[in-house]
Amino acid sequence: MLRNQGDHAAALEPYQRALLIREAAQGPEHPALGYHLHGLGLSHLALGDLAAARVELERAVALRERTGEPAKLAGSQFGLAKVLWADGERARALELAMVARDRFRGAGPGSANDLARVEAWLQQHAP
């Protein structure tokens, strides 16, 4: 909720605490950790901490690749694409954003808003 309200700094601590609790209970490879890692990554990105955002989102993507939930995986891939873009890895960022776009397309009508965000980002950032 804090991240959705734009208070990214305040969101870090609850995400981190929840991540530690879930990791202790379910292990470091449990796909459910992707939720907390995704939130941490997007909060770090919003705060300009690209290194931390990259670590969290790369891990979220890796875990979410196992879940069979294309919209959640696409969300983390798009977040990572934005980090890569900001970090100067433009080609990889565009490639990952296009993968996320395609996953959102396949995820059905519930992903229409996310798909629109990725398409708008691609229009602004594609060569």
C-alpha atoms as a PDB file:
ATOM      1  CA  MET A   1       0.000   0.000   0.000  1.00  0.00           C
ATOM      2  CA  LEU A   2       2.805   2.421   0.869  1.00  0.00           C
ATOM      3  CA  ARG A   3       4.487   1.851  -2.504  1.00  0.00           C
ATOM      4  CA  ASN A   4       1.203   2.322  -4.349  1.00  0.00           C
ATOM      5  CA  GLN A   5       0.757   5.619  -2.504  1.00  0.00           C
ATOM      6  CA  GLY A   6       4.194   6.733  -3.659  1.00  0.00           C
ATOM      7  CA  ASP A   7       5.923   6.426  -0.270  1.00  0.00           C
ATOM      8  CA  HIS A   8       8.713   4.207  -1.509  1.00  0.00           C
ATOM      9  CA  ALA A   9      11.078   4.883   1.373  1.00  0.00           C
ATOM     10  CA  ALA A  10       8.487   3.837   3.936  1.00  0.00           C
ATOM     11  CA  ALA A  11       7.628   0.728   1.899  1.00  0.00           C
ATOM     12  CA  LEU A  12      11.133  -0.709   2.104  1.00  0.00           C
ATOM     13  CA  GLU A  13      11.043  -1.814   5.735  1.00  0.00           C
ATOM     14  CA  PRO A  14       7.729  -3.727   5.621  1.00  0.00           C
ATOM     15  CA  TYR A  15       8.734  -5.444   2.365  1.00  0.00           C
ATOM     16  CA  GLN A  16      12.118  -6.399   3.823  1.00  0.00           C
ATOM     17  CA  ARG A  17      10.583  -7.675   7.068  1.00  0.00           C
ATOM     18  CA  ALA A  18       7.984  -9.739   5.186  1.00  0.00           C
ATOM     19  CA  LEU A  19      10.681 -11.120   2.898  1.00  0.00           C
ATOM     20  CA  LEU A  20      12.787 -12.259   5.849  1.00  0.00           C
ATOM     21  CA  ILE A  21       9.809 -13.904   7.553  1.00  0.00           C
ATOM     22  CA  ARG A  22       8.708 -15.716   4.410  1.00  0.00           C
ATOM     23  CA  GLU A  23      12.266 -16.753   3.585  1.00  0.00           C
ATOM     24  CA  ALA A  24      12.695 -18.223   7.063  1.00  0.00           C
ATOM     25  CA  ALA A  25       9.395 -20.085   6.794  1.00  0.00           C
ATOM     26  CA  GLN A  26       9.563 -21.282   3.188  1.00  0.00           C
ATOM     27  CA  GLY A  27      13.196 -21.082   2.143  1.00  0.00           C
ATOM     28  CA  PRO A  28      15.108 -18.736  -0.165  1.00  0.00           C
ATOM     29  CA  GLU A  29      13.874 -20.340  -3.387  1.00  0.00           C
ATOM     30  CA  HIS A  30      10.137 -20.253  -2.744  1.00  0.00           C
ATOM     31  CA  PRO A  31       8.304 -18.552  -5.639  1.00  0.00           C
ATOM     32  CA  ALA A  32       6.085 -16.583  -3.235  1.00  0.00           C
ATOM     33  CA  LEU A  33       9.118 -14.463  -2.347  1.00  0.00           C
ATOM     34  CA  GLY A  34       8.680 -12.847  -5.755  1.00  0.00           C
ATOM     35  CA  TYR A  35       5.934 -10.587  -4.389  1.00  0.00           C
ATOM     36  CA  HIS A  36       8.190  -9.021  -1.771  1.00  0.00           C
ATOM     37  CA  LEU A  37      11.212  -8.853  -4.068  1.00  0.00           C
ATOM     38  CA  HIS A  38       9.131  -7.180  -6.776  1.00  0.00           C
ATOM     39  CA  GLY A  39       7.917  -4.525  -4.344  1.00  0.00           C
ATOM     40  CA  LEU A  40      11.398  -3.948  -2.979  1.00  0.00           C
ATOM     41  CA  GLY A  41      12.813  -3.650  -6.473  1.00  0.00           C
ATOM     42  CA  LEU A  42      10.241  -1.117  -7.634  1.00  0.00           C
ATOM     43  CA  SER A  43      10.680   0.919  -4.449  1.00  0.00           C
ATOM     44  CA  HIS A  44      14.466   0.950  -4.865  1.00  0.00           C
ATOM     45  CA  LEU A  45      14.019   1.981  -8.505  1.00  0.00           C
ATOM     46  CA  ALA A  46      11.737   4.856  -7.530  1.00  0.00           C
ATOM     47  CA  LEU A  47      14.321   5.979  -4.966  1.00  0.00           C
ATOM     48  CA  GLY A  48      17.110   5.866  -7.570  1.00  0.00           C
ATOM     49  CA  ASP A  49      18.998   2.919  -6.059  1.00  0.00           C
ATOM     50  CA  LEU A  50      19.540   1.037  -9.306  1.00  0.00           C
ATOM     51  CA  ALA A  51      21.948  -1.530  -7.864  1.00  0.00           C
ATOM     52  CA  ALA A  52      19.510  -2.654  -5.172  1.00  0.00           C
ATOM     53  CA  ALA A  53      16.577  -2.545  -7.587  1.00  0.00           C
ATOM     54  CA  ARG A  54      18.428  -4.742 -10.037  1.00  0.00           C
ATOM     55  CA  VAL A  55      19.324  -7.374  -7.429  1.00  0.00           C
ATOM     56  CA  GLU A  56      15.745  -7.580  -6.116  1.00  0.00           C
ATOM     57  CA  LEU A  57      14.072  -7.627  -9.534  1.00  0.00           C
ATOM     58  CA  GLU A  58      16.483 -10.145 -11.053  1.00  0.00           C
ATOM     59  CA  ARG A  59      15.721 -12.458  -8.157  1.00  0.00           C
ATOM     60  CA  ALA A  60      11.977 -11.804  -8.482  1.00  0.00           C
ATOM     61  CA  VAL A  61      12.102 -12.672 -12.185  1.00  0.00           C
ATOM     62  CA  ALA A  62      14.044 -15.872 -11.505  1.00  0.00           C
ATOM     63  CA  LEU A  63      11.556 -17.003  -8.867  1.00  0.00           C
ATOM     64  CA  ARG A  64       8.488 -15.955 -10.839  1.00  0.00           C
ATOM     65  CA  GLU A  65       9.652 -17.903 -13.881  1.00  0.00           C
ATOM     66  CA  ARG A  66       8.668 -21.011 -11.899  1.00  0.00           C
ATOM     67  CA  THR A  67       5.123 -19.994 -10.984  1.00  0.00           C
ATOM     68  CA  GLY A  68       3.268 -20.219 -14.281  1.00  0.00           C
ATOM     69  CA  GLU A  69       1.744 -16.782 -13.654  1.00  0.00           C
ATOM     70  CA  PRO A  70       2.604 -14.775 -16.776  1.00  0.00           C
ATOM     71  CA  ALA A  71       1.263 -11.426 -15.562  1.00  0.00           C
ATOM     72  CA  LYS A  72       3.329 -11.469 -12.374  1.00  0.00           C
ATOM     73  CA  LEU A  73       6.435 -12.533 -14.253  1.00  0.00           C
ATOM     74  CA  ALA A  74       5.802  -9.813 -16.852  1.00  0.00           C
ATOM     75  CA  GLY A  75       5.461  -7.199 -14.116  1.00  0.00           C
ATOM     76  CA  SER A  76       8.845  -8.067 -12.674  1.00  0.00           C
ATOM     77  CA  GLN A  77      10.410  -8.264 -16.133  1.00  0.00           C
ATOM     78  CA  PHE A  78       9.104  -4.803 -16.965  1.00  0.00           C
ATOM     79  CA  GLY A  79      10.419  -3.431 -13.679  1.00  0.00           C
ATOM     80  CA  LEU A  80      13.821  -4.934 -14.439  1.00  0.00           C
ATOM     81  CA  ALA A  81      13.673  -3.491 -17.967  1.00  0.00           C
ATOM     82  CA  LYS A  82      13.248  -0.003 -16.486  1.00  0.00           C
ATOM     83  CA  VAL A  83      16.234  -0.563 -14.195  1.00  0.00           C
ATOM     84  CA  LEU A  84      18.366  -1.773 -17.103  1.00  0.00           C
ATOM     85  CA  TRP A  85      17.350   1.239 -19.190  1.00  0.00           C
ATOM     86  CA  ALA A  86      18.276   3.646 -16.416  1.00  0.00           C
ATOM     87  CA  ASP A  87      21.572   1.789 -15.965  1.00  0.00           C
ATOM     88  CA  GLY A  88      22.473   2.188 -19.640  1.00  0.00           C
ATOM     89  CA  GLU A  89      21.723  -1.364 -20.812  1.00  0.00           C
ATOM     90  CA  ARG A  90      19.314  -0.145 -23.452  1.00  0.00           C
ATOM     91  CA  ALA A  91      19.251  -3.165 -25.788  1.00  0.00           C
ATOM     92  CA  ARG A  92      18.621  -5.655 -23.000  1.00  0.00           C
ATOM     93  CA  ALA A  93      16.010  -3.324 -21.475  1.00  0.00           C
ATOM     94  CA  LEU A  94      14.082  -3.101 -24.743  1.00  0.00           C
ATOM     95  CA  GLU A  95      14.267  -6.854 -25.263  1.00  0.00           C
ATOM     96  CA  LEU A  96      12.965  -7.555 -21.754  1.00  0.00           C
ATOM     97  CA  ALA A  97      10.197  -4.959 -22.064  1.00  0.00           C
ATOM     98  CA  MET A  98       9.052  -6.606 -25.300  1.00  0.00           C
ATOM     99  CA  VAL A  99       8.991 -10.003 -23.587  1.00  0.00           C
ATOM    100  CA  ALA A 100       6.928  -8.481 -20.769  1.00  0.00           C
ATOM    101  CA  ARG A 101       4.576  -6.918 -23.320  1.00  0.00           C
ATOM    102  CA  ASP A 102       4.034 -10.268 -24.997  1.00  0.00           C
ATOM    103  CA  ARG A 103       3.393 -11.975 -21.657  1.00  0.00           C
ATOM    104  CA  PHE A 104       0.830  -9.324 -20.711  1.00  0.00           C
ATOM    105  CA  ARG A 105      -0.851  -9.826 -24.088  1.00  0.00           C
ATOM    106  CA  GLY A 106      -1.160 -13.528 -23.380  1.00  0.00           C
ATOM    107  CA  ALA A 107      -2.336 -13.029 -19.803  1.00  0.00           C
ATOM    108  CA  GLY A 108      -5.807 -11.902 -20.830  1.00  0.00           C
ATOM    109  CA  PRO A 109      -8.034  -8.872 -20.317  1.00  0.00           C
ATOM    110  CA  GLY A 110      -7.095  -8.510 -16.639  1.00  0.00           C
ATOM    111  CA  SER A 111      -3.682  -7.297 -17.757  1.00  0.00           C
ATOM    112  CA  ALA A 112      -4.917  -4.567 -20.107  1.00  0.00           C
ATOM    113  CA  ASN A 113      -3.688  -1.675 -17.942  1.00  0.00           C
ATOM    114  CA  ASP A 114      -0.269  -3.247 -17.484  1.00  0.00           C
ATOM    115  CA  LEU A 115      -0.055  -3.956 -21.206  1.00  0.00           C
ATOM    116  CA  ALA A 116      -0.899  -0.327 -21.966  1.00  0.00           C
ATOM    117  CA  ARG A 117       1.857   0.880 -19.612  1.00  0.00           C
ATOM    118  CA  VAL A 118       4.463  -1.339 -21.263  1.00  0.00           C
ATOM    119  CA  GLU A 119       3.372  -0.331 -24.761  1.00  0.00           C
ATOM    120  CA  ALA A 120       3.512   3.359 -23.836  1.00  0.00           C
ATOM    121  CA  TRP A 121       6.990   2.885 -22.341  1.00  0.00           C
ATOM    122  CA  LEU A 122       8.163   1.083 -25.464  1.00  0.00           C
ATOM    123  CA  GLN A 123       6.844   3.874 -27.682  1.00  0.00           C
ATOM    124  CA  GLN A 124       8.841   6.387 -25.659  1.00  0.00           C
ATOM    125  CA  HIS A 125      12.026   4.339 -25.489  1.00  0.00           C
ATOM    126  CA  ALA A 126      12.238   2.297 -28.673  1.00  0.00           C
ATOM    127  CA  PRO A 127      14.628   3.585 -31.360  1.00  0.00           C
END
